[in-house]
Amino acid sequence: ISSNNKKQTSFLVISFDSDWLYPSWQSGEIVKFLIARGFSTTY
């Protein structure tokens, strides 16, 4: 998050349950952070 951010950006985060290179828990970290910071986030 930069200082210019006004929290108007929406997010669609997609992961795959069988992906072990970039596992779902890593996407989950992003999602939890965004929701906690007030961003509209769909996962």
PDB file of all heavy atoms in Angstrom:
ATOM      1  N   ILE A   1       0.828  -1.203   0.000  1.00  0.00           N
ATOM      2  CA  ILE A   1       0.000   0.000   0.000  1.00  0.00           C
ATOM      3  C   ILE A   1       0.864   1.255   0.000  1.00  0.00           C
ATOM      4  O   ILE A   1       1.674   1.455   0.902  1.00  0.00           O
ATOM      5  CB  ILE A   1      -0.930   0.032   1.228  1.00  0.00           C
ATOM      6  CG1 ILE A   1      -1.801  -1.221   1.268  1.00  0.00           C
ATOM      7  CG2 ILE A   1      -1.803   1.281   1.216  1.00  0.00           C
ATOM      8  CD1 ILE A   1      -2.655  -1.333   2.506  1.00  0.00           C
ATOM      9  N   SER A   2       0.678   2.088  -1.016  1.00  0.00           N
ATOM     10  CA  SER A   2       1.430   3.339  -1.079  1.00  0.00           C
ATOM     11  C   SER A   2       0.628   4.463  -0.432  1.00  0.00           C
ATOM     12  O   SER A   2      -0.560   4.322  -0.145  1.00  0.00           O
ATOM     13  CB  SER A   2       1.742   3.700  -2.533  1.00  0.00           C
ATOM     14  OG  SER A   2       0.604   4.251  -3.159  1.00  0.00           O
ATOM     15  N   SER A   3       1.273   5.594  -0.273  1.00  0.00           N
ATOM     16  CA  SER A   3       0.606   6.741   0.340  1.00  0.00           C
ATOM     17  C   SER A   3      -0.490   7.314  -0.556  1.00  0.00           C
ATOM     18  O   SER A   3      -1.363   8.042  -0.092  1.00  0.00           O
ATOM     19  CB  SER A   3       1.642   7.839   0.639  1.00  0.00           C
ATOM     20  OG  SER A   3       2.300   8.231  -0.564  1.00  0.00           O
ATOM     21  N   ASN A   4      -0.462   6.983  -1.853  1.00  0.00           N
ATOM     22  CA  ASN A   4      -1.462   7.492  -2.796  1.00  0.00           C
ATOM     23  C   ASN A   4      -2.737   6.655  -2.807  1.00  0.00           C
ATOM     24  O   ASN A   4      -3.693   6.996  -3.492  1.00  0.00           O
ATOM     25  CB  ASN A   4      -0.895   7.523  -4.217  1.00  0.00           C
ATOM     26  CG  ASN A   4       0.241   8.515  -4.356  1.00  0.00           C
ATOM     27  OD1 ASN A   4       0.236   9.550  -3.700  1.00  0.00           O
ATOM     28  ND2 ASN A   4       1.204   8.207  -5.197  1.00  0.00           N
ATOM     29  N   ASN A   5      -2.739   5.551  -2.055  1.00  0.00           N
ATOM     30  CA  ASN A   5      -3.879   4.645  -2.126  1.00  0.00           C
ATOM     31  C   ASN A   5      -5.075   5.183  -1.362  1.00  0.00           C
ATOM     32  O   ASN A   5      -4.964   5.606  -0.215  1.00  0.00           O
ATOM     33  CB  ASN A   5      -3.488   3.270  -1.577  1.00  0.00           C
ATOM     34  CG  ASN A   5      -4.469   2.214  -2.013  1.00  0.00           C
ATOM     35  OD1 ASN A   5      -5.573   2.127  -1.490  1.00  0.00           O
ATOM     36  ND2 ASN A   5      -4.081   1.422  -2.992  1.00  0.00           N
ATOM     37  N   LYS A   6      -6.238   5.138  -2.025  1.00  0.00           N
ATOM     38  CA  LYS A   6      -7.477   5.624  -1.420  1.00  0.00           C
ATOM     39  C   LYS A   6      -8.464   4.488  -1.147  1.00  0.00           C
ATOM     40  O   LYS A   6      -9.637   4.710  -0.920  1.00  0.00           O
ATOM     41  CB  LYS A   6      -8.111   6.670  -2.334  1.00  0.00           C
ATOM     42  CG  LYS A   6      -7.227   7.896  -2.553  1.00  0.00           C
ATOM     43  CD  LYS A   6      -7.877   8.883  -3.511  1.00  0.00           C
ATOM     44  CE  LYS A   6      -6.960  10.083  -3.746  1.00  0.00           C
ATOM     45  NZ  LYS A   6      -7.555  11.044  -4.702  1.00  0.00           N
ATOM     46  N   LYS A   7      -7.976   3.260  -1.230  1.00  0.00           N
ATOM     47  CA  LYS A   7      -8.766   2.059  -0.938  1.00  0.00           C
ATOM     48  C   LYS A   7      -9.999   1.933  -1.846  1.00  0.00           C
ATOM     49  O   LYS A   7     -11.041   1.427  -1.435  1.00  0.00           O
ATOM     50  CB  LYS A   7      -9.179   2.027   0.538  1.00  0.00           C
ATOM     51  CG  LYS A   7      -7.995   1.955   1.486  1.00  0.00           C
ATOM     52  CD  LYS A   7      -8.413   1.824   2.937  1.00  0.00           C
ATOM     53  CE  LYS A   7      -7.188   1.754   3.841  1.00  0.00           C
ATOM     54  NZ  LYS A   7      -7.536   1.652   5.269  1.00  0.00           N
ATOM     55  N   GLN A   8      -9.871   2.407  -3.071  1.00  0.00           N
ATOM     56  CA  GLN A   8     -10.953   2.277  -4.033  1.00  0.00           C
ATOM     57  C   GLN A   8     -10.714   1.117  -4.999  1.00  0.00           C
ATOM     58  O   GLN A   8     -11.543   0.854  -5.854  1.00  0.00           O
ATOM     59  CB  GLN A   8     -11.103   3.592  -4.817  1.00  0.00           C
ATOM     60  CG  GLN A   8     -11.523   4.770  -3.935  1.00  0.00           C
ATOM     61  CD  GLN A   8     -11.539   6.082  -4.680  1.00  0.00           C
ATOM     62  OE1 GLN A   8     -10.906   6.224  -5.714  1.00  0.00           O
ATOM     63  NE2 GLN A   8     -12.291   7.042  -4.158  1.00  0.00           N
ATOM     64  N   THR A   9      -9.594   0.459  -4.873  1.00  0.00           N
ATOM     65  CA  THR A   9      -9.255  -0.650  -5.756  1.00  0.00           C
ATOM     66  C   THR A   9      -9.899  -1.938  -5.251  1.00  0.00           C
ATOM     67  O   THR A   9      -9.859  -2.238  -4.057  1.00  0.00           O
ATOM     68  CB  THR A   9      -7.728  -0.832  -5.841  1.00  0.00           C
ATOM     69  OG1 THR A   9      -7.138   0.400  -6.270  1.00  0.00           O
ATOM     70  CG2 THR A   9      -7.364  -1.930  -6.816  1.00  0.00           C
ATOM     71  N   SER A  10     -10.483  -2.708  -6.164  1.00  0.00           N
ATOM     72  CA  SER A  10     -11.077  -4.008  -5.833  1.00  0.00           C
ATOM     73  C   SER A  10     -10.132  -5.124  -6.252  1.00  0.00           C
ATOM     74  O   SER A  10      -9.355  -4.976  -7.210  1.00  0.00           O
ATOM     75  CB  SER A  10     -12.419  -4.178  -6.555  1.00  0.00           C
ATOM     76  OG  SER A  10     -13.337  -3.184  -6.140  1.00  0.00           O
ATOM     77  N   PHE A  11     -10.231  -6.251  -5.553  1.00  0.00           N
ATOM     78  CA  PHE A  11      -9.348  -7.381  -5.819  1.00  0.00           C
ATOM     79  C   PHE A  11     -10.142  -8.664  -6.066  1.00  0.00           C
ATOM     80  O   PHE A  11     -11.128  -8.929  -5.375  1.00  0.00           O
ATOM     81  CB  PHE A  11      -8.405  -7.617  -4.625  1.00  0.00           C
ATOM     82  CG  PHE A  11      -7.317  -6.589  -4.494  1.00  0.00           C
ATOM     83  CD1 PHE A  11      -7.577  -5.350  -3.934  1.00  0.00           C
ATOM     84  CD2 PHE A  11      -6.032  -6.863  -4.936  1.00  0.00           C
ATOM     85  CE1 PHE A  11      -6.583  -4.393  -3.812  1.00  0.00           C
ATOM     86  CE2 PHE A  11      -5.026  -5.917  -4.813  1.00  0.00           C
ATOM     87  CZ  PHE A  11      -5.310  -4.681  -4.248  1.00  0.00           C
ATOM     88  N   LEU A  12      -9.685  -9.433  -7.037  1.00  0.00           N
ATOM     89  CA  LEU A  12     -10.139 -10.803  -7.242  1.00  0.00           C
ATOM     90  C   LEU A  12      -8.897 -11.680  -7.175  1.00  0.00           C
ATOM     91  O   LEU A  12      -8.033 -11.616  -8.058  1.00  0.00           O
ATOM     92  CB  LEU A  12     -10.830 -10.973  -8.592  1.00  0.00           C
ATOM     93  CG  LEU A  12     -11.144 -12.415  -9.007  1.00  0.00           C
ATOM     94  CD1 LEU A  12     -12.100 -13.071  -8.015  1.00  0.00           C
ATOM     95  CD2 LEU A  12     -11.706 -12.479 -10.428  1.00  0.00           C
ATOM     96  N   VAL A  13      -8.776 -12.461  -6.116  1.00  0.00           N
ATOM     97  CA  VAL A  13      -7.611 -13.320  -5.907  1.00  0.00           C
ATOM     98  C   VAL A  13      -8.039 -14.769  -6.157  1.00  0.00           C
ATOM     99  O   VAL A  13      -9.027 -15.236  -5.584  1.00  0.00           O
ATOM    100  CB  VAL A  13      -7.052 -13.161  -4.481  1.00  0.00           C
ATOM    101  CG1 VAL A  13      -5.811 -14.040  -4.303  1.00  0.00           C
ATOM    102  CG2 VAL A  13      -6.721 -11.697  -4.200  1.00  0.00           C
ATOM    103  N   ILE A  14      -7.295 -15.459  -7.017  1.00  0.00           N
ATOM    104  CA  ILE A  14      -7.621 -16.837  -7.369  1.00  0.00           C
ATOM    105  C   ILE A  14      -6.421 -17.735  -7.108  1.00  0.00           C
ATOM    106  O   ILE A  14      -5.288 -17.402  -7.495  1.00  0.00           O
ATOM    107  CB  ILE A  14      -8.043 -16.953  -8.848  1.00  0.00           C
ATOM    108  CG1 ILE A  14      -9.289 -16.107  -9.132  1.00  0.00           C
ATOM    109  CG2 ILE A  14      -8.299 -18.407  -9.231  1.00  0.00           C
ATOM    110  CD1 ILE A  14      -9.686 -16.060 -10.602  1.00  0.00           C
ATOM    111  N   SER A  15      -6.659 -18.862  -6.455  1.00  0.00           N
ATOM    112  CA  SER A  15      -5.612 -19.869  -6.256  1.00  0.00           C
ATOM    113  C   SER A  15      -6.160 -21.239  -6.637  1.00  0.00           C
ATOM    114  O   SER A  15      -7.350 -21.380  -6.934  1.00  0.00           O
ATOM    115  CB  SER A  15      -5.132 -19.872  -4.799  1.00  0.00           C
ATOM    116  OG  SER A  15      -6.154 -20.354  -3.939  1.00  0.00           O
ATOM    117  N   PHE A  16      -5.298 -22.250  -6.614  1.00  0.00           N
ATOM    118  CA  PHE A  16      -5.692 -23.616  -6.967  1.00  0.00           C
ATOM    119  C   PHE A  16      -5.260 -24.570  -5.854  1.00  0.00           C
ATOM    120  O   PHE A  16      -4.128 -24.489  -5.368  1.00  0.00           O
ATOM    121  CB  PHE A  16      -5.064 -24.021  -8.299  1.00  0.00           C
ATOM    122  CG  PHE A  16      -5.507 -23.147  -9.451  1.00  0.00           C
ATOM    123  CD1 PHE A  16      -4.780 -22.007  -9.788  1.00  0.00           C
ATOM    124  CD2 PHE A  16      -6.658 -23.433 -10.160  1.00  0.00           C
ATOM    125  CE1 PHE A  16      -5.191 -21.181 -10.826  1.00  0.00           C
ATOM    126  CE2 PHE A  16      -7.083 -22.616 -11.193  1.00  0.00           C
ATOM    127  CZ  PHE A  16      -6.347 -21.483 -11.525  1.00  0.00           C
ATOM    128  N   ASP A  17      -6.167 -25.445  -5.464  1.00  0.00           N
ATOM    129  CA  ASP A  17      -5.910 -26.283  -4.292  1.00  0.00           C
ATOM    130  C   ASP A  17      -4.758 -27.271  -4.482  1.00  0.00           C
ATOM    131  O   ASP A  17      -4.204 -27.775  -3.506  1.00  0.00           O
ATOM    132  CB  ASP A  17      -7.188 -27.023  -3.859  1.00  0.00           C
ATOM    133  CG  ASP A  17      -7.730 -27.973  -4.913  1.00  0.00           C
ATOM    134  OD1 ASP A  17      -7.150 -28.063  -6.021  1.00  0.00           O
ATOM    135  OD2 ASP A  17      -8.754 -28.637  -4.628  1.00  0.00           O
ATOM    136  N   SER A  18      -4.370 -27.547  -5.724  1.00  0.00           N
ATOM    137  CA  SER A  18      -3.294 -28.512  -5.982  1.00  0.00           C
ATOM    138  C   SER A  18      -1.960 -27.839  -6.308  1.00  0.00           C
ATOM    139  O   SER A  18      -0.971 -28.518  -6.607  1.00  0.00           O
ATOM    140  CB  SER A  18      -3.687 -29.429  -7.143  1.00  0.00           C
ATOM    141  OG  SER A  18      -3.966 -28.677  -8.311  1.00  0.00           O
ATOM    142  N   ASP A  19      -1.919 -26.522  -6.232  1.00  0.00           N
ATOM    143  CA  ASP A  19      -0.705 -25.761  -6.552  1.00  0.00           C
ATOM    144  C   ASP A  19       0.224 -25.771  -5.345  1.00  0.00           C
ATOM    145  O   ASP A  19      -0.073 -25.184  -4.314  1.00  0.00           O
ATOM    146  CB  ASP A  19      -1.096 -24.325  -6.917  1.00  0.00           C
ATOM    147  CG  ASP A  19       0.085 -23.482  -7.399  1.00  0.00           C
ATOM    148  OD1 ASP A  19       1.242 -23.937  -7.292  1.00  0.00           O
ATOM    149  OD2 ASP A  19      -0.158 -22.358  -7.875  1.00  0.00           O
ATOM    150  N   TRP A  20       1.354 -26.462  -5.473  1.00  0.00           N
ATOM    151  CA  TRP A  20       2.294 -26.469  -4.358  1.00  0.00           C
ATOM    152  C   TRP A  20       3.485 -25.542  -4.613  1.00  0.00           C
ATOM    153  O   TRP A  20       4.299 -25.325  -3.717  1.00  0.00           O
ATOM    154  CB  TRP A  20       2.774 -27.887  -4.035  1.00  0.00           C
ATOM    155  CG  TRP A  20       3.590 -28.563  -5.097  1.00  0.00           C
ATOM    156  CD1 TRP A  20       3.141 -29.223  -6.196  1.00  0.00           C
ATOM    157  CD2 TRP A  20       5.023 -28.668  -5.135  1.00  0.00           C
ATOM    158  NE1 TRP A  20       4.196 -29.711  -6.928  1.00  0.00           N
ATOM    159  CE2 TRP A  20       5.360 -29.396  -6.301  1.00  0.00           C
ATOM    160  CE3 TRP A  20       6.049 -28.218  -4.310  1.00  0.00           C
ATOM    161  CZ2 TRP A  20       6.682 -29.673  -6.662  1.00  0.00           C
ATOM    162  CZ3 TRP A  20       7.369 -28.499  -4.667  1.00  0.00           C
ATOM    163  CH2 TRP A  20       7.662 -29.220  -5.827  1.00  0.00           C
ATOM    164  N   LEU A  21       3.589 -24.956  -5.818  1.00  0.00           N
ATOM    165  CA  LEU A  21       4.625 -23.956  -6.059  1.00  0.00           C
ATOM    166  C   LEU A  21       4.224 -22.639  -5.406  1.00  0.00           C
ATOM    167  O   LEU A  21       4.997 -22.038  -4.654  1.00  0.00           O
ATOM    168  CB  LEU A  21       4.844 -23.766  -7.565  1.00  0.00           C
ATOM    169  CG  LEU A  21       5.873 -22.685  -7.935  1.00  0.00           C
ATOM    170  CD1 LEU A  21       7.230 -22.979  -7.304  1.00  0.00           C
ATOM    171  CD2 LEU A  21       5.989 -22.541  -9.450  1.00  0.00           C
ATOM    172  N   TYR A  22       3.004 -22.179  -5.696  1.00  0.00           N
ATOM    173  CA  TYR A  22       2.439 -21.005  -5.029  1.00  0.00           C
ATOM    174  C   TYR A  22       1.134 -21.445  -4.367  1.00  0.00           C
ATOM    175  O   TYR A  22       0.044 -21.213  -4.893  1.00  0.00           O
ATOM    176  CB  TYR A  22       2.202 -19.869  -6.037  1.00  0.00           C
ATOM    177  CG  TYR A  22       3.490 -19.349  -6.630  1.00  0.00           C
ATOM    178  CD1 TYR A  22       3.802 -19.545  -7.968  1.00  0.00           C
ATOM    179  CD2 TYR A  22       4.412 -18.676  -5.828  1.00  0.00           C
ATOM    180  CE1 TYR A  22       5.002 -19.084  -8.494  1.00  0.00           C
ATOM    181  CE2 TYR A  22       5.607 -18.217  -6.348  1.00  0.00           C
ATOM    182  CZ  TYR A  22       5.901 -18.425  -7.675  1.00  0.00           C
ATOM    183  OH  TYR A  22       7.095 -17.973  -8.192  1.00  0.00           O
ATOM    184  N   PRO A  23       1.246 -22.082  -3.216  1.00  0.00           N
ATOM    185  CA  PRO A  23       0.076 -22.686  -2.564  1.00  0.00           C
ATOM    186  C   PRO A  23      -0.956 -21.661  -2.126  1.00  0.00           C
ATOM    187  O   PRO A  23      -0.660 -20.469  -1.968  1.00  0.00           O
ATOM    188  CB  PRO A  23       0.688 -23.406  -1.358  1.00  0.00           C
ATOM    189  CG  PRO A  23       1.980 -22.695  -1.096  1.00  0.00           C
ATOM    190  CD  PRO A  23       2.489 -22.274  -2.436  1.00  0.00           C
ATOM    191  N   SER A  24      -2.163 -22.158  -1.912  1.00  0.00           N
ATOM    192  CA  SER A  24      -3.291 -21.284  -1.582  1.00  0.00           C
ATOM    193  C   SER A  24      -3.062 -20.449  -0.332  1.00  0.00           C
ATOM    194  O   SER A  24      -3.584 -19.335  -0.217  1.00  0.00           O
ATOM    195  CB  SER A  24      -4.565 -22.122  -1.429  1.00  0.00           C
ATOM    196  OG  SER A  24      -4.976 -22.649  -2.674  1.00  0.00           O
ATOM    197  N   TRP A  25      -2.296 -20.960   0.625  1.00  0.00           N
ATOM    198  CA  TRP A  25      -2.108 -20.197   1.851  1.00  0.00           C
ATOM    199  C   TRP A  25      -1.396 -18.861   1.581  1.00  0.00           C
ATOM    200  O   TRP A  25      -1.603 -17.880   2.307  1.00  0.00           O
ATOM    201  CB  TRP A  25      -1.354 -21.006   2.913  1.00  0.00           C
ATOM    202  CG  TRP A  25       0.077 -21.337   2.620  1.00  0.00           C
ATOM    203  CD1 TRP A  25       0.555 -22.502   2.121  1.00  0.00           C
ATOM    204  CD2 TRP A  25       1.224 -20.497   2.854  1.00  0.00           C
ATOM    205  NE1 TRP A  25       1.928 -22.452   2.006  1.00  0.00           N
ATOM    206  CE2 TRP A  25       2.367 -21.235   2.459  1.00  0.00           C
ATOM    207  CE3 TRP A  25       1.405 -19.206   3.347  1.00  0.00           C
ATOM    208  CZ2 TRP A  25       3.657 -20.719   2.531  1.00  0.00           C
ATOM    209  CZ3 TRP A  25       2.697 -18.685   3.433  1.00  0.00           C
ATOM    210  CH2 TRP A  25       3.800 -19.447   3.025  1.00  0.00           C
ATOM    211  N   GLN A  26      -0.589 -18.826   0.498  1.00  0.00           N
ATOM    212  CA  GLN A  26       0.073 -17.566   0.167  1.00  0.00           C
ATOM    213  C   GLN A  26      -0.929 -16.543  -0.368  1.00  0.00           C
ATOM    214  O   GLN A  26      -0.861 -15.354  -0.037  1.00  0.00           O
ATOM    215  CB  GLN A  26       1.201 -17.813  -0.838  1.00  0.00           C
ATOM    216  CG  GLN A  26       2.373 -18.571  -0.229  1.00  0.00           C
ATOM    217  CD  GLN A  26       3.558 -18.682  -1.172  1.00  0.00           C
ATOM    218  OE1 GLN A  26       3.403 -18.854  -2.371  1.00  0.00           O
ATOM    219  NE2 GLN A  26       4.758 -18.592  -0.610  1.00  0.00           N
ATOM    220  N   SER A  27      -1.872 -16.998  -1.187  1.00  0.00           N
ATOM    221  CA  SER A  27      -2.952 -16.114  -1.628  1.00  0.00           C
ATOM    222  C   SER A  27      -3.807 -15.688  -0.448  1.00  0.00           C
ATOM    223  O   SER A  27      -4.261 -14.541  -0.356  1.00  0.00           O
ATOM    224  CB  SER A  27      -3.829 -16.812  -2.672  1.00  0.00           C
ATOM    225  OG  SER A  27      -3.131 -16.986  -3.887  1.00  0.00           O
ATOM    226  N   GLY A  28      -4.010 -16.635   0.484  1.00  0.00           N
ATOM    227  CA  GLY A  28      -4.798 -16.345   1.676  1.00  0.00           C
ATOM    228  C   GLY A  28      -4.201 -15.223   2.506  1.00  0.00           C
ATOM    229  O   GLY A  28      -4.934 -14.405   3.092  1.00  0.00           O
ATOM    230  N   GLU A  29      -2.877 -15.163   2.582  1.00  0.00           N
ATOM    231  CA  GLU A  29      -2.221 -14.078   3.319  1.00  0.00           C
ATOM    232  C   GLU A  29      -2.569 -12.723   2.713  1.00  0.00           C
ATOM    233  O   GLU A  29      -2.844 -11.751   3.434  1.00  0.00           O
ATOM    234  CB  GLU A  29      -0.694 -14.266   3.283  1.00  0.00           C
ATOM    235  CG  GLU A  29      -0.158 -15.320   4.220  1.00  0.00           C
ATOM    236  CD  GLU A  29       1.361 -15.304   4.261  1.00  0.00           C
ATOM    237  OE1 GLU A  29       1.981 -14.841   3.275  1.00  0.00           O
ATOM    238  OE2 GLU A  29       1.939 -15.728   5.269  1.00  0.00           O
ATOM    239  N   ILE A  30      -2.551 -12.658   1.394  1.00  0.00           N
ATOM    240  CA  ILE A  30      -2.877 -11.406   0.699  1.00  0.00           C
ATOM    241  C   ILE A  30      -4.317 -11.006   0.989  1.00  0.00           C
ATOM    242  O   ILE A  30      -4.612  -9.845   1.304  1.00  0.00           O
ATOM    243  CB  ILE A  30      -2.660 -11.563  -0.816  1.00  0.00           C
ATOM    244  CG1 ILE A  30      -1.212 -11.949  -1.121  1.00  0.00           C
ATOM    245  CG2 ILE A  30      -3.036 -10.274  -1.546  1.00  0.00           C
ATOM    246  CD1 ILE A  30      -0.961 -12.347  -2.565  1.00  0.00           C
ATOM    247  N   VAL A  31      -5.214 -11.975   0.879  1.00  0.00           N
ATOM    248  CA  VAL A  31      -6.640 -11.724   1.071  1.00  0.00           C
ATOM    249  C   VAL A  31      -6.928 -11.212   2.479  1.00  0.00           C
ATOM    250  O   VAL A  31      -7.647 -10.215   2.664  1.00  0.00           O
ATOM    251  CB  VAL A  31      -7.453 -13.007   0.786  1.00  0.00           C
ATOM    252  CG1 VAL A  31      -8.914 -12.827   1.186  1.00  0.00           C
ATOM    253  CG2 VAL A  31      -7.349 -13.374  -0.691  1.00  0.00           C
ATOM    254  N   LYS A  32      -6.381 -11.864   3.497  1.00  0.00           N
ATOM    255  CA  LYS A  32      -6.602 -11.437   4.879  1.00  0.00           C
ATOM    256  C   LYS A  32      -6.117 -10.012   5.109  1.00  0.00           C
ATOM    257  O   LYS A  32      -6.764  -9.215   5.786  1.00  0.00           O
ATOM    258  CB  LYS A  32      -5.899 -12.397   5.841  1.00  0.00           C
ATOM    259  CG  LYS A  32      -6.528 -13.782   5.909  1.00  0.00           C
ATOM    260  CD  LYS A  32      -5.728 -14.701   6.824  1.00  0.00           C
ATOM    261  CE  LYS A  32      -6.328 -16.098   6.848  1.00  0.00           C
ATOM    262  NZ  LYS A  32      -5.520 -17.029   7.685  1.00  0.00           N
ATOM    263  N   PHE A  33      -4.950  -9.700   4.550  1.00  0.00           N
ATOM    264  CA  PHE A  33      -4.394  -8.362   4.713  1.00  0.00           C
ATOM    265  C   PHE A  33      -5.293  -7.316   4.058  1.00  0.00           C
ATOM    266  O   PHE A  33      -5.586  -6.271   4.649  1.00  0.00           O
ATOM    267  CB  PHE A  33      -2.996  -8.312   4.102  1.00  0.00           C
ATOM    268  CG  PHE A  33      -2.382  -6.942   4.099  1.00  0.00           C
ATOM    269  CD1 PHE A  33      -1.746  -6.441   5.226  1.00  0.00           C
ATOM    270  CD2 PHE A  33      -2.449  -6.139   2.966  1.00  0.00           C
ATOM    271  CE1 PHE A  33      -1.205  -5.169   5.233  1.00  0.00           C
ATOM    272  CE2 PHE A  33      -1.898  -4.871   2.957  1.00  0.00           C
ATOM    273  CZ  PHE A  33      -1.270  -4.385   4.096  1.00  0.00           C
ATOM    274  N   LEU A  34      -5.732  -7.599   2.819  1.00  0.00           N
ATOM    275  CA  LEU A  34      -6.554  -6.632   2.086  1.00  0.00           C
ATOM    276  C   LEU A  34      -7.884  -6.374   2.792  1.00  0.00           C
ATOM    277  O   LEU A  34      -8.333  -5.238   2.906  1.00  0.00           O
ATOM    278  CB  LEU A  34      -6.795  -7.131   0.659  1.00  0.00           C
ATOM    279  CG  LEU A  34      -5.577  -7.146  -0.270  1.00  0.00           C
ATOM    280  CD1 LEU A  34      -5.897  -7.869  -1.555  1.00  0.00           C
ATOM    281  CD2 LEU A  34      -5.110  -5.714  -0.565  1.00  0.00           C
ATOM    282  N   ILE A  35      -8.508  -7.449   3.265  1.00  0.00           N
ATOM    283  CA  ILE A  35      -9.791  -7.295   3.970  1.00  0.00           C
ATOM    284  C   ILE A  35      -9.601  -6.494   5.252  1.00  0.00           C
ATOM    285  O   ILE A  35     -10.402  -5.607   5.572  1.00  0.00           O
ATOM    286  CB  ILE A  35     -10.399  -8.680   4.269  1.00  0.00           C
ATOM    287  CG1 ILE A  35     -10.826  -9.355   2.951  1.00  0.00           C
ATOM    288  CG2 ILE A  35     -11.596  -8.556   5.210  1.00  0.00           C
ATOM    289  CD1 ILE A  35     -11.315 -10.774   3.123  1.00  0.00           C
ATOM    290  N   ALA A  36      -8.528  -6.779   5.973  1.00  0.00           N
ATOM    291  CA  ALA A  36      -8.253  -6.055   7.211  1.00  0.00           C
ATOM    292  C   ALA A  36      -7.999  -4.572   6.965  1.00  0.00           C
ATOM    293  O   ALA A  36      -8.257  -3.735   7.836  1.00  0.00           O
ATOM    294  CB  ALA A  36      -7.052  -6.676   7.918  1.00  0.00           C
ATOM    295  N   ARG A  37      -7.507  -4.251   5.755  1.00  0.00           N
ATOM    296  CA  ARG A  37      -7.224  -2.852   5.414  1.00  0.00           C
ATOM    297  C   ARG A  37      -8.391  -2.181   4.707  1.00  0.00           C
ATOM    298  O   ARG A  37      -8.271  -1.058   4.241  1.00  0.00           O
ATOM    299  CB  ARG A  37      -5.959  -2.755   4.548  1.00  0.00           C
ATOM    300  CG  ARG A  37      -4.664  -3.192   5.236  1.00  0.00           C
ATOM    301  CD  ARG A  37      -4.418  -2.396   6.505  1.00  0.00           C
ATOM    302  NE  ARG A  37      -3.137  -2.707   7.109  1.00  0.00           N
ATOM    303  CZ  ARG A  37      -2.908  -3.746   7.907  1.00  0.00           C
ATOM    304  NH1 ARG A  37      -3.899  -4.594   8.177  1.00  0.00           N
ATOM    305  NH2 ARG A  37      -1.719  -3.949   8.435  1.00  0.00           N
ATOM    306  N   GLY A  38      -9.521  -2.877   4.595  1.00  0.00           N
ATOM    307  CA  GLY A  38     -10.729  -2.261   4.062  1.00  0.00           C
ATOM    308  C   GLY A  38     -10.906  -2.308   2.566  1.00  0.00           C
ATOM    309  O   GLY A  38     -11.768  -1.608   2.021  1.00  0.00           O
ATOM    310  N   PHE A  39     -10.137  -3.134   1.863  1.00  0.00           N
ATOM    311  CA  PHE A  39     -10.280  -3.246   0.416  1.00  0.00           C
ATOM    312  C   PHE A  39     -11.369  -4.253   0.055  1.00  0.00           C
ATOM    313  O   PHE A  39     -11.497  -5.307   0.704  1.00  0.00           O
ATOM    314  CB  PHE A  39      -8.965  -3.683  -0.232  1.00  0.00           C
ATOM    315  CG  PHE A  39      -7.897  -2.635  -0.218  1.00  0.00           C
ATOM    316  CD1 PHE A  39      -6.988  -2.566   0.827  1.00  0.00           C
ATOM    317  CD2 PHE A  39      -7.811  -1.702  -1.239  1.00  0.00           C
ATOM    318  CE1 PHE A  39      -6.003  -1.598   0.854  1.00  0.00           C
ATOM    319  CE2 PHE A  39      -6.829  -0.729  -1.224  1.00  0.00           C
ATOM    320  CZ  PHE A  39      -5.923  -0.671  -0.174  1.00  0.00           C
ATOM    321  N   SER A  40     -12.134  -3.949  -0.986  1.00  0.00           N
ATOM    322  CA  SER A  40     -13.126  -4.888  -1.502  1.00  0.00           C
ATOM    323  C   SER A  40     -12.384  -6.066  -2.136  1.00  0.00           C
ATOM    324  O   SER A  40     -11.694  -5.893  -3.147  1.00  0.00           O
ATOM    325  CB  SER A  40     -14.017  -4.197  -2.545  1.00  0.00           C
ATOM    326  OG  SER A  40     -14.881  -5.135  -3.159  1.00  0.00           O
ATOM    327  N   THR A  41     -12.530  -7.246  -1.534  1.00  0.00           N
ATOM    328  CA  THR A  41     -11.715  -8.386  -1.946  1.00  0.00           C
ATOM    329  C   THR A  41     -12.551  -9.643  -2.093  1.00  0.00           C
ATOM    330  O   THR A  41     -13.294 -10.024  -1.172  1.00  0.00           O
ATOM    331  CB  THR A  41     -10.594  -8.648  -0.913  1.00  0.00           C
ATOM    332  OG1 THR A  41      -9.863  -7.438  -0.707  1.00  0.00           O
ATOM    333  CG2 THR A  41      -9.649  -9.735  -1.399  1.00  0.00           C
ATOM    334  N   THR A  42     -12.426 -10.296  -3.238  1.00  0.00           N
ATOM    335  CA  THR A  42     -13.094 -11.566  -3.502  1.00  0.00           C
ATOM    336  C   THR A  42     -12.034 -12.635  -3.686  1.00  0.00           C
ATOM    337  O   THR A  42     -11.052 -12.413  -4.408  1.00  0.00           O
ATOM    338  CB  THR A  42     -13.965 -11.477  -4.774  1.00  0.00           C
ATOM    339  OG1 THR A  42     -14.898 -10.403  -4.642  1.00  0.00           O
ATOM    340  CG2 THR A  42     -14.719 -12.777  -5.004  1.00  0.00           C
ATOM    341  N   TYR A  43     -12.234 -13.775  -3.049  1.00  0.00           N
ATOM    342  CA  TYR A  43     -11.242 -14.849  -3.133  1.00  0.00           C
ATOM    343  C   TYR A  43     -11.903 -16.169  -3.502  1.00  0.00           C
ATOM    344  O   TYR A  43     -12.944 -16.528  -2.953  1.00  0.00           O
ATOM    345  CB  TYR A  43     -10.508 -14.992  -1.793  1.00  0.00           C
ATOM    346  CG  TYR A  43      -9.579 -16.196  -1.729  1.00  0.00           C
ATOM    347  CD1 TYR A  43      -8.560 -16.365  -2.655  1.00  0.00           C
ATOM    348  CD2 TYR A  43      -9.731 -17.154  -0.733  1.00  0.00           C
ATOM    349  CE1 TYR A  43      -7.704 -17.456  -2.605  1.00  0.00           C
ATOM    350  CE2 TYR A  43      -8.871 -18.253  -0.655  1.00  0.00           C
ATOM    351  CZ  TYR A  43      -7.866 -18.403  -1.598  1.00  0.00           C
ATOM    352  OH  TYR A  43      -7.033 -19.485  -1.546  1.00  0.00           O
TER     353      TYR A  43
END
